[in-house]
Amino acid sequence: MPLTFDLPLEKLKTYTGINPRPADFDAYWDDALAEMRALDPQVELVPAAFQTPYAECFHL
């Protein structure tokens, strides 16, 4: 099986792979995204006791 990086850049930009897309692909993702969006994640970011000079650190 040829590796995808063996293709020229122009072909890599439109390469979709060799595996067939499942017939229920769109329905699966529609259902999965609807389930995710129905959740109330109640995200809370709490500043961590440790910090760095190059990034803010939080507990999620």
Protein backbone atom coordinates (compact mmCIF):
# COMPACT_ATOMS: atom_id res chain seq x y z
CA MET A 1 0.00 0.00 0.00
CA PRO A 2 1.50 3.36 -0.96
CA LEU A 3 1.79 5.91 1.79
CA THR A 4 -0.09 9.17 1.31
CA PHE A 5 3.05 11.25 1.58
CA ASP A 6 4.25 9.54 -1.60
CA LEU A 7 1.73 11.64 -3.54
CA PRO A 8 2.52 15.05 -4.99
CA LEU A 9 1.30 17.97 -2.86
CA GLU A 10 -1.50 18.89 -5.28
CA LYS A 11 -2.98 15.38 -5.07
CA LEU A 12 -2.58 15.29 -1.28
CA LYS A 13 -4.79 18.38 -1.00
CA THR A 14 -7.76 16.44 -2.42
CA TYR A 15 -6.88 12.90 -1.23
CA THR A 16 -9.81 11.32 0.61
CA GLY A 17 -8.26 8.00 1.58
CA ILE A 18 -8.84 4.47 0.41
CA ASN A 19 -11.49 3.26 2.89
CA PRO A 20 -15.11 3.58 1.80
CA ARG A 21 -17.26 6.01 3.75
CA PRO A 22 -19.97 4.16 5.74
CA ALA A 23 -23.52 4.61 4.44
CA ASP A 24 -24.67 6.00 7.82
CA PHE A 25 -21.74 8.41 8.22
CA ASP A 26 -23.80 11.62 8.13
CA ALA A 27 -26.58 10.21 10.33
CA TYR A 28 -24.04 9.00 12.90
CA TRP A 29 -22.40 12.42 13.16
CA ASP A 30 -25.72 14.27 13.19
CA ASP A 31 -26.83 12.10 16.13
CA ALA A 32 -23.49 12.36 17.95
CA LEU A 33 -23.36 16.15 17.61
CA ALA A 34 -26.99 16.52 18.73
CA GLU A 35 -26.23 14.40 21.80
CA MET A 36 -23.15 16.49 22.62
CA ARG A 37 -25.03 19.78 22.19
CA ALA A 38 -27.84 18.56 24.48
CA LEU A 39 -25.41 18.30 27.41
CA ASP A 40 -24.86 21.12 29.87
CA PRO A 41 -21.14 20.69 30.56
CA GLN A 42 -21.04 23.30 33.38
CA VAL A 43 -17.41 24.05 32.62
CA GLU A 44 -15.49 25.83 35.37
CA LEU A 45 -11.92 27.04 35.01
CA VAL A 46 -10.11 27.43 38.33
CA PRO A 47 -6.65 29.02 38.32
CA ALA A 48 -4.03 26.45 39.33
CA ALA A 49 -1.67 27.04 42.24
CA PHE A 50 1.23 26.56 39.85
CA GLN A 51 1.80 28.98 36.99
CA THR A 52 4.37 29.37 34.25
CA PRO A 53 5.81 32.46 32.58
CA TYR A 54 4.61 31.27 29.15
CA ALA A 55 1.06 29.95 29.82
CA GLU A 56 -1.90 30.37 32.13
CA CYS A 57 -2.64 27.15 34.06
CA PHE A 58 -6.14 26.10 35.15
CA HIS A 59 -8.00 23.13 36.57
CA LEU A 60 -10.97 22.22 34.39
